[in-house]
PDB file of N, CA and C in Angstrom:
ATOM      1  N   MET A   1      18.931   7.090  13.685  1.00  0.00           N
ATOM      2  CA  MET A   1      18.786   5.785  13.066  1.00  0.00           C
ATOM      3  C   MET A   1      20.088   5.310  12.428  1.00  0.00           C
ATOM      4  N   THR A   2      21.179   5.966  12.766  1.00  0.00           N
ATOM      5  CA  THR A   2      22.475   5.523  12.299  1.00  0.00           C
ATOM      6  C   THR A   2      22.722   4.111  12.828  1.00  0.00           C
ATOM      7  N   PRO A   3      23.194   3.184  12.085  1.00  0.00           N
ATOM      8  CA  PRO A   3      23.835   3.298  10.784  1.00  0.00           C
ATOM      9  C   PRO A   3      22.899   3.120   9.590  1.00  0.00           C
ATOM     10  N   THR A   4      21.640   2.750   9.804  1.00  0.00           N
ATOM     11  CA  THR A   4      20.728   2.514   8.677  1.00  0.00           C
ATOM     12  C   THR A   4      20.432   3.807   7.929  1.00  0.00           C
ATOM     13  N   TYR A   5      20.100   4.855   8.665  1.00  0.00           N
ATOM     14  CA  TYR A   5      19.812   6.160   8.080  1.00  0.00           C
ATOM     15  C   TYR A   5      20.653   7.192   8.807  1.00  0.00           C
ATOM     16  N   SER A   6      21.196   8.132   8.034  1.00  0.00           N
ATOM     17  CA  SER A   6      22.005   9.202   8.618  1.00  0.00           C
ATOM     18  C   SER A   6      21.357  10.542   8.326  1.00  0.00           C
ATOM     19  N   GLU A   7      21.702  11.540   9.128  1.00  0.00           N
ATOM     20  CA  GLU A   7      21.188  12.879   8.886  1.00  0.00           C
ATOM     21  C   GLU A   7      21.557  13.295   7.477  1.00  0.00           C
ATOM     22  N   GLY A   8      20.581  13.815   6.758  1.00  0.00           N
ATOM     23  CA  GLY A   8      20.800  14.238   5.375  1.00  0.00           C
ATOM     24  C   GLY A   8      20.397  13.197   4.349  1.00  0.00           C
ATOM     25  N   ASP A   9      20.151  11.955   4.772  1.00  0.00           N
ATOM     26  CA  ASP A   9      19.671  10.938   3.837  1.00  0.00           C
ATOM     27  C   ASP A   9      18.279  11.313   3.352  1.00  0.00           C
ATOM     28  N   ASN A  10      17.993  10.956   2.122  1.00  0.00           N
ATOM     29  CA  ASN A  10      16.650  11.134   1.578  1.00  0.00           C
ATOM     30  C   ASN A  10      15.924   9.801   1.647  1.00  0.00           C
ATOM     31  N   VAL A  11      14.684   9.844   2.120  1.00  0.00           N
ATOM     32  CA  VAL A  11      13.878   8.633   2.207  1.00  0.00           C
ATOM     33  C   VAL A  11      12.516   8.890   1.595  1.00  0.00           C
ATOM     34  N   LEU A  12      11.952   7.846   1.032  1.00  0.00           N
ATOM     35  CA  LEU A  12      10.598   7.891   0.499  1.00  0.00           C
ATOM     36  C   LEU A  12       9.679   7.314   1.564  1.00  0.00           C
ATOM     37  N   VAL A  13       8.679   8.081   1.962  1.00  0.00           N
ATOM     38  CA  VAL A  13       7.724   7.620   2.971  1.00  0.00           C
ATOM     39  C   VAL A  13       6.324   7.685   2.382  1.00  0.00           C
ATOM     40  N   SER A  14       5.433   6.867   2.938  1.00  0.00           N
ATOM     41  CA  SER A  14       4.053   6.862   2.473  1.00  0.00           C
ATOM     42  C   SER A  14       3.121   6.492   3.615  1.00  0.00           C
ATOM     43  N   SER A  15       1.972   7.131   3.640  1.00  0.00           N
ATOM     44  CA  SER A  15       0.951   6.773   4.621  1.00  0.00           C
ATOM     45  C   SER A  15       0.029   5.679   4.086  1.00  0.00           C
ATOM     46  N   LEU A  16       0.090   5.398   2.784  1.00  0.00           N
ATOM     47  CA  LEU A  16      -0.789   4.378   2.187  1.00  0.00           C
ATOM     48  C   LEU A  16      -0.651   2.993   2.815  1.00  0.00           C
ATOM     49  N   PRO A  17       0.557   2.505   3.089  1.00  0.00           N
ATOM     50  CA  PRO A  17       0.644   1.169   3.710  1.00  0.00           C
ATOM     51  C   PRO A  17      -0.079   1.088   5.057  1.00  0.00           C
ATOM     52  N   LEU A  18      -0.195   2.213   5.756  1.00  0.00           N
ATOM     53  CA  LEU A  18      -0.847   2.206   7.061  1.00  0.00           C
ATOM     54  C   LEU A  18      -2.369   2.150   6.939  1.00  0.00           C
ATOM     55  N   ILE A  19      -2.881   2.457   5.758  1.00  0.00           N
ATOM     56  CA  ILE A  19      -4.318   2.360   5.523  1.00  0.00           C
ATOM     57  C   ILE A  19      -4.724   0.899   5.367  1.00  0.00           C
ATOM     58  N   PHE A  20      -3.877   0.125   4.715  1.00  0.00           N
ATOM     59  CA  PHE A  20      -4.220  -1.256   4.379  1.00  0.00           C
ATOM     60  C   PHE A  20      -3.745  -2.293   5.394  1.00  0.00           C
ATOM     61  N   THR A  21      -2.682  -1.972   6.149  1.00  0.00           N
ATOM     62  CA  THR A  21      -2.171  -2.911   7.148  1.00  0.00           C
ATOM     63  C   THR A  21      -1.729  -2.157   8.388  1.00  0.00           C
ATOM     64  N   LYS A  22      -1.713  -2.841   9.503  1.00  0.00           N
ATOM     65  CA  LYS A  22      -1.223  -2.239  10.739  1.00  0.00           C
ATOM     66  C   LYS A  22       0.295  -2.294  10.750  1.00  0.00           C
ATOM     67  N   PRO A  23       0.930  -1.287  11.324  1.00  0.00           N
ATOM     68  CA  PRO A  23       2.389  -1.348  11.461  1.00  0.00           C
ATOM     69  C   PRO A  23       2.776  -2.563  12.302  1.00  0.00           C
ATOM     70  N   LYS A  24       3.922  -3.151  11.978  1.00  0.00           N
ATOM     71  CA  LYS A  24       4.354  -4.340  12.714  1.00  0.00           C
ATOM     72  C   LYS A  24       5.793  -4.162  13.201  1.00  0.00           C
ATOM     73  N   LYS A  25       6.184  -5.044  14.093  1.00  0.00           N
ATOM     74  CA  LYS A  25       7.538  -5.003  14.643  1.00  0.00           C
ATOM     75  C   LYS A  25       8.550  -5.037  13.504  1.00  0.00           C
ATOM     76  N   GLY A  26       9.548  -4.180  13.592  1.00  0.00           N
ATOM     77  CA  GLY A  26      10.592  -4.113  12.572  1.00  0.00           C
ATOM     78  C   GLY A  26      10.366  -3.039  11.525  1.00  0.00           C
ATOM     79  N   ASP A  27       9.117  -2.562  11.367  1.00  0.00           N
ATOM     80  CA  ASP A  27       8.842  -1.495  10.408  1.00  0.00           C
ATOM     81  C   ASP A  27       9.532  -0.209  10.861  1.00  0.00           C
ATOM     82  N   VAL A  28      10.022   0.559   9.901  1.00  0.00           N
ATOM     83  CA  VAL A  28      10.570   1.879  10.178  1.00  0.00           C
ATOM     84  C   VAL A  28       9.475   2.878   9.821  1.00  0.00           C
ATOM     85  N   VAL A  29       9.109   3.705  10.794  1.00  0.00           N
ATOM     86  CA  VAL A  29       7.975   4.599  10.616  1.00  0.00           C
ATOM     87  C   VAL A  29       8.345   6.045  10.936  1.00  0.00           C
ATOM     88  N   VAL A  30       7.529   6.940  10.415  1.00  0.00           N
ATOM     89  CA  VAL A  30       7.613   8.354  10.739  1.00  0.00           C
ATOM     90  C   VAL A  30       6.503   8.626  11.744  1.00  0.00           C
ATOM     91  N   PHE A  31       6.837   9.298  12.835  1.00  0.00           N
ATOM     92  CA  PHE A  31       5.826   9.618  13.834  1.00  0.00           C
ATOM     93  C   PHE A  31       6.031  11.041  14.323  1.00  0.00           C
ATOM     94  N   GLU A  32       4.971  11.578  14.919  1.00  0.00           N
ATOM     95  CA  GLU A  32       5.022  12.946  15.425  1.00  0.00           C
ATOM     96  C   GLU A  32       5.040  12.930  16.947  1.00  0.00           C
ATOM     97  N   LYS A  33       5.967  13.676  17.504  1.00  0.00           N
ATOM     98  CA  LYS A  33       6.104  13.804  18.954  1.00  0.00           C
ATOM     99  C   LYS A  33       6.728  15.169  19.220  1.00  0.00           C
ATOM    100  N   PHE A  34       6.184  15.895  20.175  1.00  0.00           N
ATOM    101  CA  PHE A  34       6.700  17.221  20.533  1.00  0.00           C
ATOM    102  C   PHE A  34       6.713  18.180  19.334  1.00  0.00           C
ATOM    103  N   ASN A  35       5.686  18.085  18.483  1.00  0.00           N
ATOM    104  CA  ASN A  35       5.537  18.938  17.295  1.00  0.00           C
ATOM    105  C   ASN A  35       6.689  18.796  16.298  1.00  0.00           C
ATOM    106  N   ARG A  36       7.329  17.633  16.295  1.00  0.00           N
ATOM    107  CA  ARG A  36       8.391  17.330  15.333  1.00  0.00           C
ATOM    108  C   ARG A  36       8.154  15.934  14.775  1.00  0.00           C
ATOM    109  N   PHE A  37       8.755  15.642  13.639  1.00  0.00           N
ATOM    110  CA  PHE A  37       8.646  14.319  13.043  1.00  0.00           C
ATOM    111  C   PHE A  37       9.971  13.585  13.217  1.00  0.00           C
ATOM    112  N   TYR A  38       9.866  12.301  13.533  1.00  0.00           N
ATOM    113  CA  TYR A  38      11.038  11.449  13.767  1.00  0.00           C
ATOM    114  C   TYR A  38      10.879  10.160  12.982  1.00  0.00           C
ATOM    115  N   ILE A  39      11.993   9.498  12.722  1.00  0.00           N
ATOM    116  CA  ILE A  39      12.003   8.179  12.100  1.00  0.00           C
ATOM    117  C   ILE A  39      12.613   7.207  13.094  1.00  0.00           C
ATOM    118  N   LYS A  40      11.867   6.152  13.412  1.00  0.00           N
ATOM    119  CA  LYS A  40      12.346   5.112  14.329  1.00  0.00           C
ATOM    120  C   LYS A  40      11.778   3.762  13.909  1.00  0.00           C
ATOM    121  N   ARG A  41      12.344   2.718  14.464  1.00  0.00           N
ATOM    122  CA  ARG A  41      11.921   1.349  14.173  1.00  0.00           C
ATOM    123  C   ARG A  41      10.986   0.855  15.286  1.00  0.00           C
ATOM    124  N   ILE A  42       9.928   0.152  14.903  1.00  0.00           N
ATOM    125  CA  ILE A  42       9.011  -0.408  15.890  1.00  0.00           C
ATOM    126  C   ILE A  42       9.675  -1.613  16.543  1.00  0.00           C
ATOM    127  N   ASP A  43       9.774  -1.552  17.873  1.00  0.00           N
ATOM    128  CA  ASP A  43      10.387  -2.629  18.631  1.00  0.00           C
ATOM    129  C   ASP A  43       9.336  -3.513  19.295  1.00  0.00           C
ATOM    130  N   LYS A  44       8.282  -2.886  19.836  1.00  0.00           N
ATOM    131  CA  LYS A  44       7.207  -3.633  20.502  1.00  0.00           C
ATOM    132  C   LYS A  44       5.886  -2.934  20.245  1.00  0.00           C
ATOM    133  N   ILE A  45       4.823  -3.732  20.239  1.00  0.00           N
ATOM    134  CA  ILE A  45       3.471  -3.189  20.152  1.00  0.00           C
ATOM    135  C   ILE A  45       2.677  -3.802  21.292  1.00  0.00           C
ATOM    136  N   GLU A  46       2.165  -2.932  22.160  1.00  0.00           N
ATOM    137  CA  GLU A  46       1.385  -3.399  23.298  1.00  0.00           C
ATOM    138  C   GLU A  46       0.171  -2.512  23.484  1.00  0.00           C
ATOM    139  N   LYS A  47      -1.005  -3.113  23.423  1.00  0.00           N
ATOM    140  CA  LYS A  47      -2.270  -2.410  23.681  1.00  0.00           C
ATOM    141  C   LYS A  47      -2.412  -1.155  22.837  1.00  0.00           C
ATOM    142  N   GLY A  48      -2.089  -1.258  21.549  1.00  0.00           N
ATOM    143  CA  GLY A  48      -2.245  -0.132  20.645  1.00  0.00           C
ATOM    144  C   GLY A  48      -1.203   0.944  20.763  1.00  0.00           C
ATOM    145  N   LYS A  49      -0.190   0.722  21.567  1.00  0.00           N
ATOM    146  CA  LYS A  49       0.903   1.682  21.687  1.00  0.00           C
ATOM    147  C   LYS A  49       2.168   1.073  21.107  1.00  0.00           C
ATOM    148  N   TYR A  50       2.983   1.939  20.526  1.00  0.00           N
ATOM    149  CA  TYR A  50       4.185   1.493  19.830  1.00  0.00           C
ATOM    150  C   TYR A  50       5.422   1.949  20.589  1.00  0.00           C
ATOM    151  N   PHE A  51       6.300   1.003  20.870  1.00  0.00           N
ATOM    152  CA  PHE A  51       7.589   1.301  21.495  1.00  0.00           C
ATOM    153  C   PHE A  51       8.592   1.382  20.360  1.00  0.00           C
ATOM    154  N   LEU A  52       9.139   2.578  20.145  1.00  0.00           N
ATOM    155  CA  LEU A  52       9.995   2.859  18.993  1.00  0.00           C
ATOM    156  C   LEU A  52      11.433   3.071  19.435  1.00  0.00           C
ATOM    157  N   VAL A  53      12.364   2.479  18.699  1.00  0.00           N
ATOM    158  CA  VAL A  53      13.779   2.618  19.029  1.00  0.00           C
ATOM    159  C   VAL A  53      14.579   2.990  17.792  1.00  0.00           C
ATOM    160  N   GLY A  54      15.697   3.667  18.041  1.00  0.00           N
ATOM    161  CA  GLY A  54      16.633   3.966  16.969  1.00  0.00           C
ATOM    162  C   GLY A  54      17.615   2.821  16.813  1.00  0.00           C
ATOM    163  N   ASP A  55      18.232   2.719  15.660  1.00  0.00           N
ATOM    164  CA  ASP A  55      19.187   1.643  15.407  1.00  0.00           C
ATOM    165  C   ASP A  55      20.485   1.828  16.189  1.00  0.00           C
ATOM    166  N   ASN A  56      20.804   3.062  16.551  1.00  0.00           N
ATOM    167  CA  ASN A  56      21.979   3.342  17.368  1.00  0.00           C
ATOM    168  C   ASN A  56      21.527   3.376  18.829  1.00  0.00           C
ATOM    169  N   LYS A  57      21.417   2.217  19.433  1.00  0.00           N
ATOM    170  CA  LYS A  57      20.813   2.094  20.759  1.00  0.00           C
ATOM    171  C   LYS A  57      21.575   2.836  21.853  1.00  0.00           C
ATOM    172  N   LYS A  58      22.870   3.090  21.652  1.00  0.00           N
ATOM    173  CA  LYS A  58      23.657   3.798  22.675  1.00  0.00           C
ATOM    174  C   LYS A  58      23.351   5.297  22.699  1.00  0.00           C
ATOM    175  N   ASP A  59      22.928   5.843  21.572  1.00  0.00           N
ATOM    176  CA  ASP A  59      22.718   7.289  21.490  1.00  0.00           C
ATOM    177  C   ASP A  59      21.500   7.594  20.627  1.00  0.00           C
ATOM    178  N   SER A  60      20.315   7.273  21.141  1.00  0.00           N
ATOM    179  CA  SER A  60      19.103   7.494  20.367  1.00  0.00           C
ATOM    180  C   SER A  60      18.019   8.113  21.239  1.00  0.00           C
ATOM    181  N   PHE A  61      17.395   9.149  20.727  1.00  0.00           N
ATOM    182  CA  PHE A  61      16.241   9.757  21.381  1.00  0.00           C
ATOM    183  C   PHE A  61      15.030   8.962  20.929  1.00  0.00           C
ATOM    184  N   ASP A  62      14.585   8.031  21.768  1.00  0.00           N
ATOM    185  CA  ASP A  62      13.520   7.122  21.369  1.00  0.00           C
ATOM    186  C   ASP A  62      12.601   6.805  22.545  1.00  0.00           C
ATOM    187  N   SER A  63      11.790   5.777  22.426  1.00  0.00           N
ATOM    188  CA  SER A  63      10.793   5.446  23.451  1.00  0.00           C
ATOM    189  C   SER A  63      11.398   5.153  24.815  1.00  0.00           C
ATOM    190  N   ARG A  64      12.666   4.825  24.858  1.00  0.00           N
ATOM    191  CA  ARG A  64      13.302   4.628  26.158  1.00  0.00           C
ATOM    192  C   ARG A  64      13.392   5.931  26.928  1.00  0.00           C
ATOM    193  N   ARG A  65      13.313   7.061  26.219  1.00  0.00           N
ATOM    194  CA  ARG A  65      13.342   8.378  26.865  1.00  0.00           C
ATOM    195  C   ARG A  65      11.960   9.012  26.962  1.00  0.00           C
ATOM    196  N   PHE A  66      11.154   8.902  25.899  1.00  0.00           N
ATOM    197  CA  PHE A  66       9.871   9.604  25.889  1.00  0.00           C
ATOM    198  C   PHE A  66       8.660   8.693  25.982  1.00  0.00           C
ATOM    199  N   GLY A  67       8.842   7.397  26.092  1.00  0.00           N
ATOM    200  CA  GLY A  67       7.720   6.473  26.224  1.00  0.00           C
ATOM    201  C   GLY A  67       7.127   6.061  24.891  1.00  0.00           C
ATOM    202  N   SER A  68       6.111   5.244  24.966  1.00  0.00           N
ATOM    203  CA  SER A  68       5.450   4.728  23.768  1.00  0.00           C
ATOM    204  C   SER A  68       4.650   5.827  23.082  1.00  0.00           C
ATOM    205  N   VAL A  69       4.336   5.606  21.805  1.00  0.00           N
ATOM    206  CA  VAL A  69       3.490   6.533  21.056  1.00  0.00           C
ATOM    207  C   VAL A  69       2.208   5.815  20.658  1.00  0.00           C
ATOM    208  N   LYS A  70       1.147   6.584  20.509  1.00  0.00           N
ATOM    209  CA  LYS A  70      -0.142   6.033  20.105  1.00  0.00           C
ATOM    210  C   LYS A  70      -0.186   5.857  18.599  1.00  0.00           C
ATOM    211  N   ARG A  71      -1.075   5.004  18.156  1.00  0.00           N
ATOM    212  CA  ARG A  71      -1.217   4.719  16.724  1.00  0.00           C
ATOM    213  C   ARG A  71      -1.427   5.997  15.916  1.00  0.00           C
ATOM    214  N   GLY A  72      -2.191   6.934  16.447  1.00  0.00           N
ATOM    215  CA  GLY A  72      -2.465   8.179  15.733  1.00  0.00           C
ATOM    216  C   GLY A  72      -1.250   9.049  15.510  1.00  0.00           C
ATOM    217  N   GLN A  73      -0.209   8.834  16.279  1.00  0.00           N
ATOM    218  CA  GLN A  73       1.025   9.603  16.113  1.00  0.00           C
ATOM    219  C   GLN A  73       1.901   9.035  14.999  1.00  0.00           C
ATOM    220  N   VAL A  74       1.658   7.790  14.607  1.00  0.00           N
ATOM    221  CA  VAL A  74       2.416   7.171  13.513  1.00  0.00           C
ATOM    222  C   VAL A  74       1.798   7.665  12.209  1.00  0.00           C
ATOM    223  N   LYS A  75       2.578   8.402  11.432  1.00  0.00           N
ATOM    224  CA  LYS A  75       2.059   9.087  10.248  1.00  0.00           C
ATOM    225  C   LYS A  75       2.347   8.385   8.937  1.00  0.00           C
ATOM    226  N   ALA A  76       3.470   7.680   8.841  1.00  0.00           N
ATOM    227  CA  ALA A  76       3.863   7.064   7.572  1.00  0.00           C
ATOM    228  C   ALA A  76       4.875   5.952   7.818  1.00  0.00           C
ATOM    229  N   LYS A  77       5.081   5.178   6.784  1.00  0.00           N
ATOM    230  CA  LYS A  77       6.070   4.103   6.812  1.00  0.00           C
ATOM    231  C   LYS A  77       7.180   4.460   5.825  1.00  0.00           C
ATOM    232  N   VAL A  78       8.411   4.195   6.229  1.00  0.00           N
ATOM    233  CA  VAL A  78       9.542   4.428   5.328  1.00  0.00           C
ATOM    234  C   VAL A  78       9.551   3.298   4.300  1.00  0.00           C
ATOM    235  N   ILE A  79       9.528   3.673   3.046  1.00  0.00           N
ATOM    236  CA  ILE A  79       9.471   2.708   1.946  1.00  0.00           C
ATOM    237  C   ILE A  79      10.847   2.420   1.358  1.00  0.00           C
ATOM    238  N   LEU A  80      11.649   3.492   1.226  1.00  0.00           N
ATOM    239  CA  LEU A  80      12.898   3.348   0.490  1.00  0.00           C
ATOM    240  C   LEU A  80      13.874   4.455   0.879  1.00  0.00           C
ATOM    241  N   LYS A  81      15.143   4.084   1.002  1.00  0.00           N
ATOM    242  CA  LYS A  81      16.212   5.069   1.169  1.00  0.00           C
ATOM    243  C   LYS A  81      16.691   5.429  -0.236  1.00  0.00           C
ATOM    244  N   ILE A  82      16.685   6.720  -0.550  1.00  0.00           N
ATOM    245  CA  ILE A  82      17.032   7.159  -1.909  1.00  0.00           C
ATOM    246  C   ILE A  82      18.492   7.584  -1.957  1.00  0.00           C
TER     247      ILE A  82
END
């Protein structure tokens, strides 16, 4: 997610916003894929699936490589960079 977030940055995340509202385009979310957690930005939402991209589009492991993720894989929303 460079340049917005870099390795080693601390971020505050919460699952509470996802209880009250659906994630929308532009939100930065935490999701689970391949038994790991990642932070990416929602680029598109189609039929309940989320296409997630990193801010460094030239070098990002994101939906362009692994495809869309289901709503259940989205675990939290990034609230604040600390």
